[in-house]
Amino acid sequence: MKDLAYRAVPVVSSLPAPSSALAGVIARLASDNKPYWCDGVSWSDLTAGGDDARLTVVRLGADVSNSTTTLANVAGLAIALAANSTYAIDARVMFQTAATNTGLRLTQTVPSGATHVAQWNTPTSLTARTLANQRAADTGAASTGVDAANANTLATGSFLVITGATAGTLQIRFASEVGGSNAVVKAGSNLVAIKVA
């Protein structure tokens, strides 16, 4: 069994010849300071764009508000997914609600025909949380309030998405738990996607 413990990515002056023994290894090349991933046959630049991109990161540039219980897109918090691919995606969503009795509902959409599972961990205080497991888009439970109104709180999400023949977008969506009480997803919230296959 491979050791999956966290390690600092090694910095190398040149990438070694790819081999099956190096499959899954990530190394940072000193000359361009970019991470590269070995699939056992070749090295891929993890920062490259397009359908072959292995690593995609997006950051929310401005706050997005919703004072309704109707799901709305967090404009700017979305990642394009290629067809016939598998992605591991992590979300870090900083949010505030206008009152302690107002929680937040978080979910996501995926491309048509995709298989996906998701888990949202949304704090209700510094020691309690709502855990929402999802097997479909636009599902999941709202949290049941927060311990402090208008205070930054961090919700996290983990997704496994296997796309079919249709490419598309994973879009984060949210709603207030209480109609007429504002919920805000804060700038700086982000998504990190790794294209596994």
N, C-alpha and C. Protein backbone atom coordinates (compact mmCIF):
# COMPACT_ATOMS: atom_id res chain seq x y z
N MET A 1 0.84 -1.18 0.00
CA MET A 1 0.00 0.00 0.00
C MET A 1 0.89 1.25 0.00
N LYS A 2 0.53 2.23 -0.82
CA LYS A 2 1.32 3.45 -0.88
C LYS A 2 1.11 4.29 0.37
N ASP A 3 2.17 4.96 0.79
CA ASP A 3 2.10 5.89 1.91
C ASP A 3 1.52 7.20 1.39
N LEU A 4 0.33 7.58 1.87
CA LEU A 4 -0.34 8.79 1.39
C LEU A 4 -0.20 9.95 2.36
N ALA A 5 0.74 9.87 3.28
CA ALA A 5 0.94 10.94 4.26
C ALA A 5 1.40 12.21 3.55
N TYR A 6 1.03 13.37 4.13
CA TYR A 6 1.40 14.66 3.54
C TYR A 6 2.91 14.82 3.53
N ARG A 7 3.43 15.29 2.43
CA ARG A 7 4.85 15.58 2.30
C ARG A 7 5.01 16.88 1.52
N ALA A 8 6.09 17.60 1.77
CA ALA A 8 6.40 18.77 0.96
C ALA A 8 6.79 18.28 -0.43
N VAL A 9 6.38 18.99 -1.47
CA VAL A 9 6.72 18.60 -2.84
C VAL A 9 8.20 18.86 -3.05
N PRO A 10 8.95 17.85 -3.50
CA PRO A 10 10.39 18.07 -3.71
C PRO A 10 10.65 19.01 -4.87
N VAL A 11 11.69 19.81 -4.74
CA VAL A 11 12.13 20.71 -5.81
C VAL A 11 13.33 20.06 -6.48
N VAL A 12 13.25 19.92 -7.81
CA VAL A 12 14.32 19.25 -8.56
C VAL A 12 14.86 20.17 -9.64
N SER A 13 16.13 19.98 -9.99
CA SER A 13 16.72 20.80 -11.05
C SER A 13 16.32 20.30 -12.43
N SER A 14 16.00 18.99 -12.54
CA SER A 14 15.48 18.44 -13.78
C SER A 14 14.57 17.26 -13.42
N LEU A 15 13.57 17.03 -14.26
CA LEU A 15 12.64 15.94 -14.00
C LEU A 15 13.30 14.61 -14.38
N PRO A 16 13.23 13.61 -13.51
CA PRO A 16 13.81 12.31 -13.86
C PRO A 16 12.99 11.64 -14.96
N ALA A 17 13.58 10.63 -15.58
CA ALA A 17 12.87 9.89 -16.61
C ALA A 17 11.61 9.28 -16.00
N PRO A 18 10.46 9.44 -16.67
CA PRO A 18 9.23 8.86 -16.12
C PRO A 18 9.32 7.34 -16.10
N SER A 19 8.72 6.74 -15.08
CA SER A 19 8.68 5.28 -14.96
C SER A 19 7.47 4.89 -14.12
N SER A 20 7.11 3.62 -14.16
CA SER A 20 5.97 3.16 -13.36
C SER A 20 6.23 3.36 -11.87
N ALA A 21 7.50 3.34 -11.46
CA ALA A 21 7.82 3.57 -10.04
C ALA A 21 7.53 5.00 -9.62
N LEU A 22 7.50 5.93 -10.58
CA LEU A 22 7.25 7.34 -10.27
C LEU A 22 5.79 7.74 -10.50
N ALA A 23 4.95 6.80 -10.92
CA ALA A 23 3.53 7.11 -11.18
C ALA A 23 2.89 7.69 -9.93
N GLY A 24 2.28 8.87 -10.07
CA GLY A 24 1.62 9.54 -8.95
C GLY A 24 2.50 10.53 -8.22
N VAL A 25 3.77 10.62 -8.58
CA VAL A 25 4.69 11.54 -7.91
C VAL A 25 4.51 12.95 -8.46
N ILE A 26 4.57 13.93 -7.57
CA ILE A 26 4.55 15.34 -7.95
C ILE A 26 5.89 15.94 -7.55
N ALA A 27 6.50 16.69 -8.47
CA ALA A 27 7.76 17.38 -8.19
C ALA A 27 7.67 18.79 -8.75
N ARG A 28 8.37 19.72 -8.09
CA ARG A 28 8.41 21.11 -8.55
C ARG A 28 9.76 21.34 -9.24
N LEU A 29 9.70 21.84 -10.47
CA LEU A 29 10.92 22.09 -11.24
C LEU A 29 11.48 23.45 -10.85
N ALA A 30 12.75 23.48 -10.44
CA ALA A 30 13.37 24.70 -9.94
C ALA A 30 13.42 25.80 -10.99
N SER A 31 13.62 25.45 -12.26
CA SER A 31 13.80 26.46 -13.30
C SER A 31 12.54 27.29 -13.57
N ASP A 32 11.35 26.70 -13.42
CA ASP A 32 10.13 27.47 -13.67
C ASP A 32 9.19 27.51 -12.46
N ASN A 33 9.56 26.84 -11.37
CA ASN A 33 8.80 26.82 -10.12
C ASN A 33 7.38 26.29 -10.30
N LYS A 34 7.19 25.38 -11.27
CA LYS A 34 5.87 24.79 -11.52
C LYS A 34 5.85 23.34 -11.03
N PRO A 35 4.66 22.88 -10.56
CA PRO A 35 4.53 21.47 -10.17
C PRO A 35 4.26 20.60 -11.40
N TYR A 36 4.88 19.42 -11.41
CA TYR A 36 4.69 18.44 -12.47
C TYR A 36 4.26 17.12 -11.85
N TRP A 37 3.39 16.40 -12.57
CA TRP A 37 2.86 15.12 -12.09
C TRP A 37 3.25 14.03 -13.08
N CYS A 38 3.72 12.88 -12.56
CA CYS A 38 4.12 11.76 -13.40
C CYS A 38 3.00 10.72 -13.43
N ASP A 39 2.60 10.33 -14.63
CA ASP A 39 1.58 9.27 -14.76
C ASP A 39 2.21 7.91 -15.03
N GLY A 40 3.54 7.85 -14.95
CA GLY A 40 4.26 6.61 -15.22
C GLY A 40 4.83 6.56 -16.61
N VAL A 41 4.30 7.41 -17.52
CA VAL A 41 4.75 7.44 -18.91
C VAL A 41 5.35 8.79 -19.27
N SER A 42 4.78 9.86 -18.69
CA SER A 42 5.26 11.21 -18.99
C SER A 42 5.00 12.12 -17.79
N TRP A 43 5.59 13.31 -17.84
CA TRP A 43 5.37 14.34 -16.82
C TRP A 43 4.38 15.36 -17.38
N SER A 44 3.40 15.80 -16.57
CA SER A 44 2.42 16.81 -16.98
C SER A 44 2.54 18.03 -16.10
N ASP A 45 2.53 19.21 -16.73
CA ASP A 45 2.52 20.48 -16.01
C ASP A 45 1.15 20.64 -15.36
N LEU A 46 1.11 20.67 -14.03
CA LEU A 46 -0.17 20.77 -13.33
C LEU A 46 -0.83 22.13 -13.48
N THR A 47 -0.10 23.11 -13.98
CA THR A 47 -0.68 24.44 -14.15
C THR A 47 -1.12 24.70 -15.58
N ALA A 48 -0.96 23.71 -16.47
CA ALA A 48 -1.33 23.89 -17.88
C ALA A 48 -2.83 24.04 -18.00
N GLY A 49 -3.27 24.80 -18.98
CA GLY A 49 -4.70 25.01 -19.18
C GLY A 49 -5.30 23.98 -20.12
N GLY A 50 -6.56 24.17 -20.44
CA GLY A 50 -7.25 23.30 -21.38
C GLY A 50 -7.74 22.01 -20.75
N ASP A 51 -8.17 21.08 -21.61
CA ASP A 51 -8.72 19.81 -21.14
C ASP A 51 -7.68 18.95 -20.42
N ASP A 52 -6.40 19.19 -20.66
CA ASP A 52 -5.35 18.39 -20.03
C ASP A 52 -4.91 18.96 -18.69
N ALA A 53 -5.50 20.06 -18.25
CA ALA A 53 -5.11 20.66 -16.97
C ALA A 53 -5.38 19.67 -15.84
N ARG A 54 -4.39 19.44 -15.00
CA ARG A 54 -4.54 18.53 -13.86
C ARG A 54 -4.97 19.28 -12.61
N LEU A 55 -4.63 20.56 -12.51
CA LEU A 55 -4.96 21.35 -11.33
C LEU A 55 -5.63 22.64 -11.77
N THR A 56 -6.82 22.91 -11.21
CA THR A 56 -7.54 24.15 -11.50
C THR A 56 -7.94 24.79 -10.19
N VAL A 57 -7.69 26.09 -10.07
CA VAL A 57 -8.02 26.83 -8.85
C VAL A 57 -8.81 28.07 -9.24
N VAL A 58 -9.93 28.33 -8.54
CA VAL A 58 -10.66 29.58 -8.73
C VAL A 58 -10.89 30.23 -7.37
N ARG A 59 -10.87 31.54 -7.35
CA ARG A 59 -11.06 32.33 -6.13
C ARG A 59 -12.17 33.34 -6.38
N LEU A 60 -13.10 33.44 -5.44
CA LEU A 60 -14.19 34.40 -5.55
C LEU A 60 -13.66 35.81 -5.34
N GLY A 61 -13.93 36.69 -6.31
CA GLY A 61 -13.38 38.04 -6.25
C GLY A 61 -14.22 39.05 -5.48
N ALA A 62 -15.51 38.79 -5.32
CA ALA A 62 -16.39 39.74 -4.64
C ALA A 62 -17.48 38.98 -3.88
N ASP A 63 -17.98 39.57 -2.81
CA ASP A 63 -19.05 38.96 -2.02
C ASP A 63 -20.29 38.71 -2.89
N VAL A 64 -21.03 37.64 -2.57
CA VAL A 64 -22.29 37.33 -3.24
C VAL A 64 -23.34 37.12 -2.15
N SER A 65 -24.49 37.81 -2.27
CA SER A 65 -25.54 37.76 -1.24
C SER A 65 -26.79 37.06 -1.75
N ASN A 66 -27.53 36.43 -0.82
CA ASN A 66 -28.83 35.84 -1.13
C ASN A 66 -29.67 35.87 0.15
N SER A 67 -30.81 36.52 0.10
CA SER A 67 -31.69 36.60 1.27
C SER A 67 -32.94 35.76 1.10
N THR A 68 -32.88 34.80 0.16
CA THR A 68 -34.03 33.93 -0.07
C THR A 68 -33.65 32.48 0.21
N THR A 69 -34.66 31.63 0.27
CA THR A 69 -34.42 30.20 0.45
C THR A 69 -34.28 29.49 -0.89
N THR A 70 -34.29 30.26 -1.98
CA THR A 70 -34.12 29.73 -3.33
C THR A 70 -32.64 29.68 -3.67
N LEU A 71 -32.16 28.53 -4.13
CA LEU A 71 -30.74 28.39 -4.48
C LEU A 71 -30.36 29.37 -5.58
N ALA A 72 -29.19 29.98 -5.43
CA ALA A 72 -28.65 30.91 -6.43
C ALA A 72 -27.18 30.59 -6.64
N ASN A 73 -26.70 30.85 -7.86
CA ASN A 73 -25.28 30.64 -8.16
C ASN A 73 -24.41 31.60 -7.37
N VAL A 74 -23.28 31.09 -6.90
CA VAL A 74 -22.24 31.98 -6.38
C VAL A 74 -21.42 32.35 -7.61
N ALA A 75 -21.82 33.45 -8.27
CA ALA A 75 -21.17 33.85 -9.52
C ALA A 75 -19.67 34.02 -9.28
N GLY A 76 -18.88 33.33 -10.08
CA GLY A 76 -17.43 33.40 -9.92
C GLY A 76 -16.84 32.21 -9.19
N LEU A 77 -17.69 31.33 -8.65
CA LEU A 77 -17.19 30.15 -7.94
C LEU A 77 -17.64 28.91 -8.71
N ALA A 78 -16.97 28.68 -9.85
CA ALA A 78 -17.30 27.58 -10.75
C ALA A 78 -16.04 27.11 -11.45
N ILE A 79 -16.05 25.81 -11.82
CA ILE A 79 -14.90 25.23 -12.52
C ILE A 79 -15.41 24.45 -13.72
N ALA A 80 -14.76 24.66 -14.89
CA ALA A 80 -15.10 23.91 -16.09
C ALA A 80 -14.53 22.50 -15.98
N LEU A 81 -15.36 21.50 -16.31
CA LEU A 81 -14.94 20.09 -16.25
C LEU A 81 -15.00 19.49 -17.65
N ALA A 82 -13.95 18.75 -18.01
CA ALA A 82 -13.88 18.09 -19.31
C ALA A 82 -14.77 16.85 -19.33
N ALA A 83 -15.16 16.42 -20.51
CA ALA A 83 -15.95 15.20 -20.67
C ALA A 83 -15.10 13.98 -20.36
N ASN A 84 -15.76 12.90 -19.93
CA ASN A 84 -15.11 11.61 -19.69
C ASN A 84 -13.89 11.72 -18.79
N SER A 85 -14.05 12.42 -17.69
CA SER A 85 -12.93 12.67 -16.77
C SER A 85 -13.40 12.49 -15.33
N THR A 86 -12.43 12.33 -14.43
CA THR A 86 -12.71 12.18 -13.01
C THR A 86 -12.00 13.30 -12.25
N TYR A 87 -12.72 13.96 -11.35
CA TYR A 87 -12.19 15.08 -10.59
C TYR A 87 -12.40 14.90 -9.09
N ALA A 88 -11.38 15.28 -8.32
CA ALA A 88 -11.49 15.43 -6.87
C ALA A 88 -11.46 16.93 -6.62
N ILE A 89 -12.50 17.47 -5.98
CA ILE A 89 -12.64 18.92 -5.83
C ILE A 89 -12.88 19.26 -4.37
N ASP A 90 -12.17 20.28 -3.90
CA ASP A 90 -12.36 20.79 -2.54
C ASP A 90 -12.84 22.23 -2.61
N ALA A 91 -13.81 22.57 -1.75
CA ALA A 91 -14.35 23.93 -1.67
C ALA A 91 -14.09 24.48 -0.27
N ARG A 92 -13.69 25.73 -0.21
CA ARG A 92 -13.58 26.46 1.05
C ARG A 92 -14.41 27.72 0.88
N VAL A 93 -15.53 27.75 1.62
CA VAL A 93 -16.49 28.85 1.45
C VAL A 93 -16.58 29.63 2.77
N MET A 94 -16.10 30.86 2.73
CA MET A 94 -16.24 31.75 3.89
C MET A 94 -17.59 32.46 3.75
N PHE A 95 -18.37 32.45 4.85
CA PHE A 95 -19.70 33.03 4.75
C PHE A 95 -20.06 33.77 6.03
N GLN A 96 -21.11 34.57 5.92
CA GLN A 96 -21.74 35.24 7.06
C GLN A 96 -23.25 35.15 6.88
N THR A 97 -23.98 35.15 8.00
CA THR A 97 -25.43 35.31 7.94
C THR A 97 -25.82 36.47 8.85
N ALA A 98 -26.98 37.06 8.55
CA ALA A 98 -27.37 38.31 9.21
C ALA A 98 -27.88 38.12 10.63
N ALA A 99 -28.21 36.89 11.03
CA ALA A 99 -28.77 36.65 12.36
C ALA A 99 -28.33 35.27 12.85
N THR A 100 -28.28 35.11 14.16
CA THR A 100 -27.83 33.83 14.71
C THR A 100 -28.80 32.69 14.40
N ASN A 101 -30.05 33.00 14.12
CA ASN A 101 -31.01 31.94 13.79
C ASN A 101 -31.07 31.65 12.29
N THR A 102 -30.11 32.18 11.54
CA THR A 102 -30.07 31.97 10.09
C THR A 102 -28.87 31.13 9.71
N GLY A 103 -29.15 29.99 9.11
CA GLY A 103 -28.08 29.12 8.61
C GLY A 103 -27.89 29.31 7.12
N LEU A 104 -27.16 28.38 6.53
CA LEU A 104 -26.79 28.47 5.12
C LEU A 104 -26.96 27.10 4.47
N ARG A 105 -27.47 27.09 3.25
CA ARG A 105 -27.54 25.85 2.48
C ARG A 105 -26.56 25.96 1.33
N LEU A 106 -25.66 24.98 1.21
CA LEU A 106 -24.67 24.95 0.14
C LEU A 106 -24.86 23.69 -0.69
N THR A 107 -24.71 23.82 -1.99
CA THR A 107 -24.79 22.69 -2.90
C THR A 107 -24.03 23.05 -4.17
N GLN A 108 -24.19 22.23 -5.20
CA GLN A 108 -23.46 22.44 -6.44
C GLN A 108 -24.22 21.80 -7.59
N THR A 109 -23.94 22.29 -8.80
CA THR A 109 -24.42 21.64 -10.02
C THR A 109 -23.23 20.97 -10.68
N VAL A 110 -23.51 20.02 -11.55
CA VAL A 110 -22.46 19.33 -12.31
C VAL A 110 -22.95 19.17 -13.75
N PRO A 111 -22.05 18.83 -14.67
CA PRO A 111 -22.49 18.64 -16.06
C PRO A 111 -23.53 17.53 -16.20
N SER A 112 -24.36 17.65 -17.19
CA SER A 112 -25.38 16.63 -17.48
C SER A 112 -24.72 15.27 -17.68
N GLY A 113 -25.30 14.24 -17.06
CA GLY A 113 -24.78 12.89 -17.21
C GLY A 113 -23.64 12.53 -16.28
N ALA A 114 -23.20 13.48 -15.45
CA ALA A 114 -22.09 13.20 -14.52
C ALA A 114 -22.59 12.42 -13.31
N THR A 115 -21.73 11.58 -12.78
CA THR A 115 -21.96 10.91 -11.50
C THR A 115 -21.17 11.68 -10.46
N HIS A 116 -21.80 12.00 -9.33
CA HIS A 116 -21.03 12.70 -8.32
C HIS A 116 -21.59 12.47 -6.93
N VAL A 117 -20.70 12.60 -5.96
CA VAL A 117 -21.07 12.59 -4.55
C VAL A 117 -20.39 13.79 -3.91
N ALA A 118 -21.03 14.32 -2.88
CA ALA A 118 -20.51 15.52 -2.23
C ALA A 118 -20.77 15.46 -0.74
N GLN A 119 -19.93 16.18 0.00
CA GLN A 119 -20.14 16.32 1.44
C GLN A 119 -19.81 17.76 1.82
N TRP A 120 -20.78 18.44 2.43
CA TRP A 120 -20.60 19.80 2.93
C TRP A 120 -20.56 19.77 4.45
N ASN A 121 -19.59 20.45 5.02
CA ASN A 121 -19.41 20.58 6.46
C ASN A 121 -19.59 22.07 6.78
N THR A 122 -20.73 22.42 7.37
CA THR A 122 -21.05 23.84 7.62
C THR A 122 -21.19 24.07 9.12
N PRO A 123 -20.29 24.85 9.72
CA PRO A 123 -20.36 25.10 11.16
C PRO A 123 -21.61 25.86 11.58
N THR A 124 -22.11 25.52 12.76
CA THR A 124 -23.19 26.27 13.38
C THR A 124 -22.68 27.01 14.62
N SER A 125 -21.49 26.68 15.05
CA SER A 125 -20.80 27.37 16.15
C SER A 125 -19.33 26.99 16.04
N LEU A 126 -18.55 27.39 17.02
CA LEU A 126 -17.14 27.02 17.00
C LEU A 126 -16.92 25.55 17.32
N THR A 127 -17.95 24.86 17.81
CA THR A 127 -17.79 23.45 18.18
C THR A 127 -18.83 22.52 17.57
N ALA A 128 -19.79 23.04 16.81
CA ALA A 128 -20.84 22.20 16.23
C ALA A 128 -20.95 22.47 14.73
N ARG A 129 -21.56 21.53 14.02
CA ARG A 129 -21.66 21.67 12.57
C ARG A 129 -22.85 20.91 12.02
N THR A 130 -23.21 21.23 10.77
CA THR A 130 -24.17 20.45 10.01
C THR A 130 -23.39 19.75 8.91
N LEU A 131 -23.54 18.45 8.83
CA LEU A 131 -22.87 17.66 7.80
C LEU A 131 -23.93 17.22 6.80
N ALA A 132 -23.78 17.61 5.54
CA ALA A 132 -24.76 17.28 4.51
C ALA A 132 -24.10 16.45 3.42
N ASN A 133 -24.52 15.20 3.28
CA ASN A 133 -24.03 14.32 2.22
C ASN A 133 -25.00 14.40 1.05
N GLN A 134 -24.45 14.48 -0.17
CA GLN A 134 -25.29 14.67 -1.35
C GLN A 134 -24.91 13.66 -2.43
N ARG A 135 -25.93 13.12 -3.09
CA ARG A 135 -25.71 12.22 -4.23
C ARG A 135 -26.25 12.82 -5.52
N ALA A 136 -26.80 14.00 -5.44
CA ALA A 136 -27.39 14.65 -6.61
C ALA A 136 -27.16 16.15 -6.52
N ALA A 137 -27.25 16.81 -7.66
CA ALA A 137 -27.08 18.26 -7.71
C ALA A 137 -28.24 18.95 -7.00
N ASP A 138 -27.96 20.12 -6.46
CA ASP A 138 -28.98 20.97 -5.82
C ASP A 138 -29.74 20.26 -4.71
N THR A 139 -29.04 19.47 -3.92
CA THR A 139 -29.66 18.80 -2.78
C THR A 139 -28.92 19.23 -1.52
N GLY A 140 -29.14 18.54 -0.43
CA GLY A 140 -28.43 18.84 0.82
C GLY A 140 -29.24 19.69 1.76
N ALA A 141 -28.89 19.59 3.02
CA ALA A 141 -29.60 20.28 4.09
C ALA A 141 -28.96 21.61 4.42
N ALA A 142 -29.77 22.55 4.88
CA ALA A 142 -29.26 23.82 5.37
C ALA A 142 -28.75 23.65 6.80
N SER A 143 -27.76 24.44 7.17
CA SER A 143 -27.33 24.47 8.57
C SER A 143 -28.41 25.19 9.37
N THR A 144 -28.33 25.09 10.70
CA THR A 144 -29.42 25.60 11.55
C THR A 144 -29.00 26.82 12.35
N GLY A 145 -28.41 27.79 11.71
CA GLY A 145 -28.00 29.00 12.41
C GLY A 145 -26.50 29.06 12.61
N VAL A 146 -26.07 30.14 13.23
CA VAL A 146 -24.66 30.38 13.53
C VAL A 146 -24.56 30.92 14.96
N ASP A 147 -23.36 30.89 15.52
CA ASP A 147 -23.20 31.38 16.88
C ASP A 147 -23.03 32.90 16.96
N ALA A 148 -22.67 33.54 15.82
CA ALA A 148 -22.48 34.99 15.82
C ALA A 148 -22.92 35.56 14.47
N ALA A 149 -23.82 36.52 14.50
CA ALA A 149 -24.28 37.16 13.27
C ALA A 149 -23.15 37.97 12.65
N ASN A 150 -23.13 38.00 11.32
CA ASN A 150 -22.17 38.80 10.55
C ASN A 150 -20.71 38.52 10.92
N ALA A 151 -20.42 37.27 11.28
CA ALA A 151 -19.05 36.86 11.61
C ALA A 151 -18.58 35.86 10.56
N ASN A 152 -17.35 36.00 10.10
CA ASN A 152 -16.82 35.07 9.11
C ASN A 152 -16.78 33.65 9.66
N THR A 153 -17.31 32.72 8.87
CA THR A 153 -17.35 31.31 9.23
C THR A 153 -16.94 30.52 8.00
N LEU A 154 -16.25 29.39 8.19
CA LEU A 154 -15.75 28.61 7.07
C LEU A 154 -16.52 27.31 6.92
N ALA A 155 -17.14 27.13 5.75
CA ALA A 155 -17.74 25.85 5.38
C ALA A 155 -16.81 25.18 4.38
N THR A 156 -16.73 23.85 4.43
CA THR A 156 -15.89 23.12 3.49
C THR A 156 -16.72 22.07 2.77
N GLY A 157 -16.34 21.81 1.53
CA GLY A 157 -17.01 20.79 0.73
C GLY A 157 -15.99 19.93 0.03
N SER A 158 -16.32 18.66 -0.13
CA SER A 158 -15.48 17.72 -0.88
C SER A 158 -16.37 17.02 -1.89
N PHE A 159 -15.90 16.94 -3.14
CA PHE A 159 -16.69 16.37 -4.22
C PHE A 159 -15.86 15.37 -5.03
N LEU A 160 -16.49 14.30 -5.47
CA LEU A 160 -15.93 13.41 -6.47
C LEU A 160 -16.89 13.46 -7.64
N VAL A 161 -16.38 13.89 -8.80
CA VAL A 161 -17.22 14.05 -9.99
C VAL A 161 -16.63 13.23 -11.13
N ILE A 162 -17.45 12.38 -11.71
CA ILE A 162 -17.05 11.59 -12.87
C ILE A 162 -17.95 12.02 -14.01
N THR A 163 -17.39 12.75 -14.96
CA THR A 163 -18.20 13.27 -16.07
C THR A 163 -18.42 12.19 -17.12
N GLY A 164 -19.51 12.34 -17.84
CA GLY A 164 -19.82 11.45 -18.96
C GLY A 164 -19.37 12.10 -20.26
N ALA A 165 -20.14 11.89 -21.31
CA ALA A 165 -19.78 12.40 -22.63
C ALA A 165 -19.96 13.91 -22.75
N THR A 166 -20.59 14.54 -21.75
CA THR A 166 -20.87 15.98 -21.82
C THR A 166 -19.95 16.76 -20.87
N ALA A 167 -19.18 17.68 -21.42
CA ALA A 167 -18.39 18.59 -20.60
C ALA A 167 -19.34 19.62 -20.00
N GLY A 168 -18.87 20.33 -18.99
CA GLY A 168 -19.72 21.35 -18.37
C GLY A 168 -19.05 21.97 -17.17
N THR A 169 -19.85 22.48 -16.25
CA THR A 169 -19.33 23.27 -15.14
C THR A 169 -19.82 22.74 -13.81
N LEU A 170 -18.92 22.70 -12.83
CA LEU A 170 -19.33 22.54 -11.44
C LEU A 170 -19.52 23.95 -10.91
N GLN A 171 -20.75 24.26 -10.49
CA GLN A 171 -21.12 25.60 -10.02
C GLN A 171 -21.58 25.52 -8.58
N ILE A 172 -20.96 26.30 -7.69
CA ILE A 172 -21.40 26.35 -6.30
C ILE A 172 -22.66 27.19 -6.22
N ARG A 173 -23.64 26.71 -5.44
CA ARG A 173 -24.92 27.40 -5.25
C ARG A 173 -25.21 27.48 -3.76
N PHE A 174 -26.01 28.47 -3.38
CA PHE A 174 -26.33 28.63 -1.96
C PHE A 174 -27.66 29.34 -1.77
N ALA A 175 -28.19 29.20 -0.54
CA ALA A 175 -29.42 29.89 -0.16
C ALA A 175 -29.37 30.16 1.33
N SER A 176 -30.13 31.15 1.75
CA SER A 176 -30.30 31.40 3.18
C SER A 176 -31.25 30.35 3.73
N GLU A 177 -31.07 30.00 4.99
CA GLU A 177 -31.99 29.06 5.64
C GLU A 177 -33.34 29.73 5.91
N VAL A 178 -33.33 31.05 6.11
CA VAL A 178 -34.53 31.80 6.49
C VAL A 178 -34.81 32.87 5.45
N GLY A 179 -35.99 32.84 4.85
CA GLY A 179 -36.37 33.85 3.87
C GLY A 179 -36.35 35.25 4.48
N GLY A 180 -35.76 36.20 3.76
CA GLY A 180 -35.69 37.58 4.24
C GLY A 180 -34.50 37.86 5.14
N SER A 181 -33.69 36.84 5.44
CA SER A 181 -32.50 37.02 6.27
C SER A 181 -31.28 36.76 5.41
N ASN A 182 -30.40 37.74 5.32
CA ASN A 182 -29.31 37.70 4.34
C ASN A 182 -28.22 36.69 4.70
N ALA A 183 -27.76 35.98 3.66
CA ALA A 183 -26.57 35.13 3.74
C ALA A 183 -25.58 35.64 2.70
N VAL A 184 -24.30 35.67 3.04
CA VAL A 184 -23.28 36.22 2.15
C VAL A 184 -22.13 35.22 2.03
N VAL A 185 -21.79 34.86 0.79
CA VAL A 185 -20.55 34.11 0.53
C VAL A 185 -19.49 35.16 0.27
N LYS A 186 -18.40 35.08 1.03
CA LYS A 186 -17.41 36.16 1.04
C LYS A 186 -16.32 35.96 -0.02
N ALA A 187 -15.80 37.09 -0.50
CA ALA A 187 -14.65 37.09 -1.40
C ALA A 187 -13.50 36.31 -0.76
N GLY A 188 -12.77 35.61 -1.56
CA GLY A 188 -11.67 34.79 -1.07
C GLY A 188 -12.05 33.32 -0.97
N SER A 189 -13.36 33.02 -0.96
CA SER A 189 -13.79 31.63 -1.03
C SER A 189 -13.19 31.02 -2.29
N ASN A 190 -12.92 29.71 -2.27
CA ASN A 190 -12.21 29.15 -3.42
C ASN A 190 -12.53 27.69 -3.66
N LEU A 191 -12.19 27.24 -4.86
CA LEU A 191 -12.30 25.84 -5.29
C LEU A 191 -10.95 25.37 -5.80
N VAL A 192 -10.59 24.13 -5.46
CA VAL A 192 -9.37 23.51 -5.98
C VAL A 192 -9.78 22.17 -6.55
N ALA A 193 -9.54 21.99 -7.86
CA ALA A 193 -9.92 20.75 -8.54
C ALA A 193 -8.69 20.05 -9.06
N ILE A 194 -8.62 18.74 -8.82
CA ILE A 194 -7.55 17.91 -9.37
C ILE A 194 -8.19 16.94 -10.34
N LYS A 195 -7.73 16.95 -11.59
CA LYS A 195 -8.21 16.00 -12.59
C LYS A 195 -7.45 14.69 -12.36
N VAL A 196 -8.15 13.70 -11.86
CA VAL A 196 -7.53 12.43 -11.49
C VAL A 196 -7.33 11.56 -12.73
N ALA A 197 -8.28 11.58 -13.64
CA ALA A 197 -8.17 10.78 -14.87
C ALA A 197 -9.01 11.42 -15.97
